[in-house]
C-alpha atoms as a PDB file:
ATOM      1  CA  UNK A   1      89.418 114.951 102.066  1.00  0.00           C
ATOM      2  CA  UNK A   2      92.025 112.372 101.508  1.00  0.00           C
ATOM      3  CA  UNK A   3      90.544 108.898 100.720  1.00  0.00           C
ATOM      4  CA  UNK A   4      93.714 107.045 101.987  1.00  0.00           C
ATOM      5  CA  UNK A   5      93.736 105.757 105.649  1.00  0.00           C
ATOM      6  CA  UNK A   6      97.203 106.198 107.102  1.00  0.00           C
ATOM      7  CA  UNK A   7      98.382 104.222 110.033  1.00  0.00           C
ATOM      8  CA  UNK A   8     101.287 104.747 112.398  1.00  0.00           C
ATOM      9  CA  UNK A   9     102.503 102.505 115.360  1.00  0.00           C
ATOM     10  CA  UNK A  10     104.222 103.912 118.551  1.00  0.00           C
ATOM     11  CA  UNK A  11     107.205 102.216 120.131  1.00  0.00           C
ATOM     12  CA  UNK A  12     106.613  99.709 122.815  1.00  0.00           C
ATOM     13  CA  UNK A  13     105.683 101.318 126.197  1.00  0.00           C
ATOM     14  CA  UNK A  14     105.847  99.562 129.595  1.00  0.00           C
ATOM     15  CA  UNK A  15     103.748 100.472 132.475  1.00  0.00           C
ATOM     16  CA  UNK A  16     103.509  98.473 135.825  1.00  0.00           C
ATOM     17  CA  UNK A  17     105.102  95.452 133.893  1.00  0.00           C
ATOM     18  CA  UNK A  18     102.525  95.537 130.954  1.00  0.00           C
ATOM     19  CA  UNK A  19     103.909  96.117 127.467  1.00  0.00           C
ATOM     20  CA  UNK A  20     101.658  97.919 124.968  1.00  0.00           C
ATOM     21  CA  UNK A  21     101.855 100.287 122.025  1.00  0.00           C
ATOM     22  CA  UNK A  22      99.531 102.659 120.266  1.00  0.00           C
ATOM     23  CA  UNK A  23      98.204 102.458 116.737  1.00  0.00           C
ATOM     24  CA  UNK A  24      96.899 105.697 115.026  1.00  0.00           C
ATOM     25  CA  UNK A  25      94.723 105.971 112.090  1.00  0.00           C
ATOM     26  CA  UNK A  26      93.957 108.937 110.067  1.00  0.00           C
ATOM     27  CA  UNK A  27      92.450 110.063 106.644  1.00  0.00           C
ATOM     28  CA  UNK A  28      93.404 113.690 106.964  1.00  0.00           C
ATOM     29  CA  UNK A  29      90.032 114.642 108.528  1.00  0.00           C
ATOM     30  CA  UNK A  30      89.271 111.930 111.053  1.00  0.00           C
ATOM     31  CA  UNK A  31      91.509 110.134 113.598  1.00  0.00           C
ATOM     32  CA  UNK A  32      91.492 107.262 115.804  1.00  0.00           C
ATOM     33  CA  UNK A  33      93.882 105.665 118.277  1.00  0.00           C
ATOM     34  CA  UNK A  34      94.002 102.171 119.450  1.00  0.00           C
ATOM     35  CA  UNK A  35      96.024 100.162 121.907  1.00  0.00           C
ATOM     36  CA  UNK A  36      97.654  96.851 121.232  1.00  0.00           C
ATOM     37  CA  UNK A  37      97.565  94.021 122.357  1.00  0.00           C
ATOM     38  CA  UNK A  38      94.117  94.988 123.693  1.00  0.00           C
ATOM     39  CA  UNK A  39      93.095  95.835 120.084  1.00  0.00           C
ATOM     40  CA  UNK A  40      90.614  98.383 121.350  1.00  0.00           C
ATOM     41  CA  UNK A  41      90.104 101.975 120.033  1.00  0.00           C
ATOM     42  CA  UNK A  42      90.651 104.445 122.905  1.00  0.00           C
ATOM     43  CA  UNK A  43      90.233 107.698 121.089  1.00  0.00           C
ATOM     44  CA  UNK A  44      88.015 108.510 118.188  1.00  0.00           C
ATOM     45  CA  UNK A  45      87.227 111.631 116.337  1.00  0.00           C
ATOM     46  CA  UNK A  46      84.871 111.214 113.321  1.00  0.00           C
ATOM     47  CA  UNK A  47      84.680 107.398 112.644  1.00  0.00           C
ATOM     48  CA  UNK A  48      81.323 105.816 112.982  1.00  0.00           C
ATOM     49  CA  UNK A  49      80.703 102.709 115.108  1.00  0.00           C
ATOM     50  CA  UNK A  50      80.974 100.273 112.260  1.00  0.00           C
ATOM     51  CA  UNK A  51      84.339 101.882 111.163  1.00  0.00           C
ATOM     52  CA  UNK A  52      85.667 101.634 114.783  1.00  0.00           C
ATOM     53  CA  UNK A  53      84.675  98.016 114.801  1.00  0.00           C
ATOM     54  CA  UNK A  54      86.588  97.563 111.462  1.00  0.00           C
ATOM     55  CA  UNK A  55      89.763  99.175 112.922  1.00  0.00           C
ATOM     56  CA  UNK A  56      89.480  97.017 116.076  1.00  0.00           C
ATOM     57  CA  UNK A  57      89.126  93.967 113.861  1.00  0.00           C
ATOM     58  CA  UNK A  58      92.096  95.033 111.737  1.00  0.00           C
ATOM     59  CA  UNK A  59      94.300  95.407 114.930  1.00  0.00           C
ATOM     60  CA  UNK A  60      93.273  91.774 116.023  1.00  0.00           C
ATOM     61  CA  UNK A  61      93.937  90.332 112.581  1.00  0.00           C
ATOM     62  CA  UNK A  62      97.283  92.091 112.116  1.00  0.00           C
ATOM     63  CA  UNK A  63      98.346  91.944 115.833  1.00  0.00           C
ATOM     64  CA  UNK A  64     101.634  89.918 115.303  1.00  0.00           C
ATOM     65  CA  UNK A  65     102.761  92.397 112.493  1.00  0.00           C
ATOM     66  CA  UNK A  66     101.849  95.364 114.578  1.00  0.00           C
ATOM     67  CA  UNK A  67     103.809  94.077 117.614  1.00  0.00           C
ATOM     68  CA  UNK A  68     106.742  93.603 115.291  1.00  0.00           C
ATOM     69  CA  UNK A  69     106.521  97.191 113.912  1.00  0.00           C
ATOM     70  CA  UNK A  70     106.301  98.603 117.498  1.00  0.00           C
ATOM     71  CA  UNK A  71     109.207  96.397 118.763  1.00  0.00           C
ATOM     72  CA  UNK A  72     111.316  97.503 115.668  1.00  0.00           C
ATOM     73  CA  UNK A  73     111.063 101.102 116.565  1.00  0.00           C
ATOM     74  CA  UNK A  74     114.194 102.615 117.958  1.00  0.00           C
ATOM     75  CA  UNK A  75     113.370 106.016 119.246  1.00  0.00           C
ATOM     76  CA  UNK A  76     116.974 107.208 119.984  1.00  0.00           C
ATOM     77  CA  UNK A  77     118.266 105.908 116.533  1.00  0.00           C
ATOM     78  CA  UNK A  78     115.442 107.481 114.720  1.00  0.00           C
ATOM     79  CA  UNK A  79     116.002 110.725 116.508  1.00  0.00           C
ATOM     80  CA  UNK A  80     119.759 110.721 115.993  1.00  0.00           C
ATOM     81  CA  UNK A  81     119.410 109.831 112.304  1.00  0.00           C
ATOM     82  CA  UNK A  82     117.410 113.094 111.472  1.00  0.00           C
END
């Protein structure tokens, strides 16, 4: 098991005028996915209730930075640069 928790952020999505992004967490064994700006974990495989609460608190605390990360992702540029 990898002790390091890795996080990734999706590009900004828009549905019915609402903007949101997904934040994924994994340690190589367990995974969780949350949605910002709601800061709610929507999928969880392996994290206990307290850890889910900590992930949600992290998203709330870091929301401005997470939004910047999501807004800065240019899917086509990243795709074409490979």
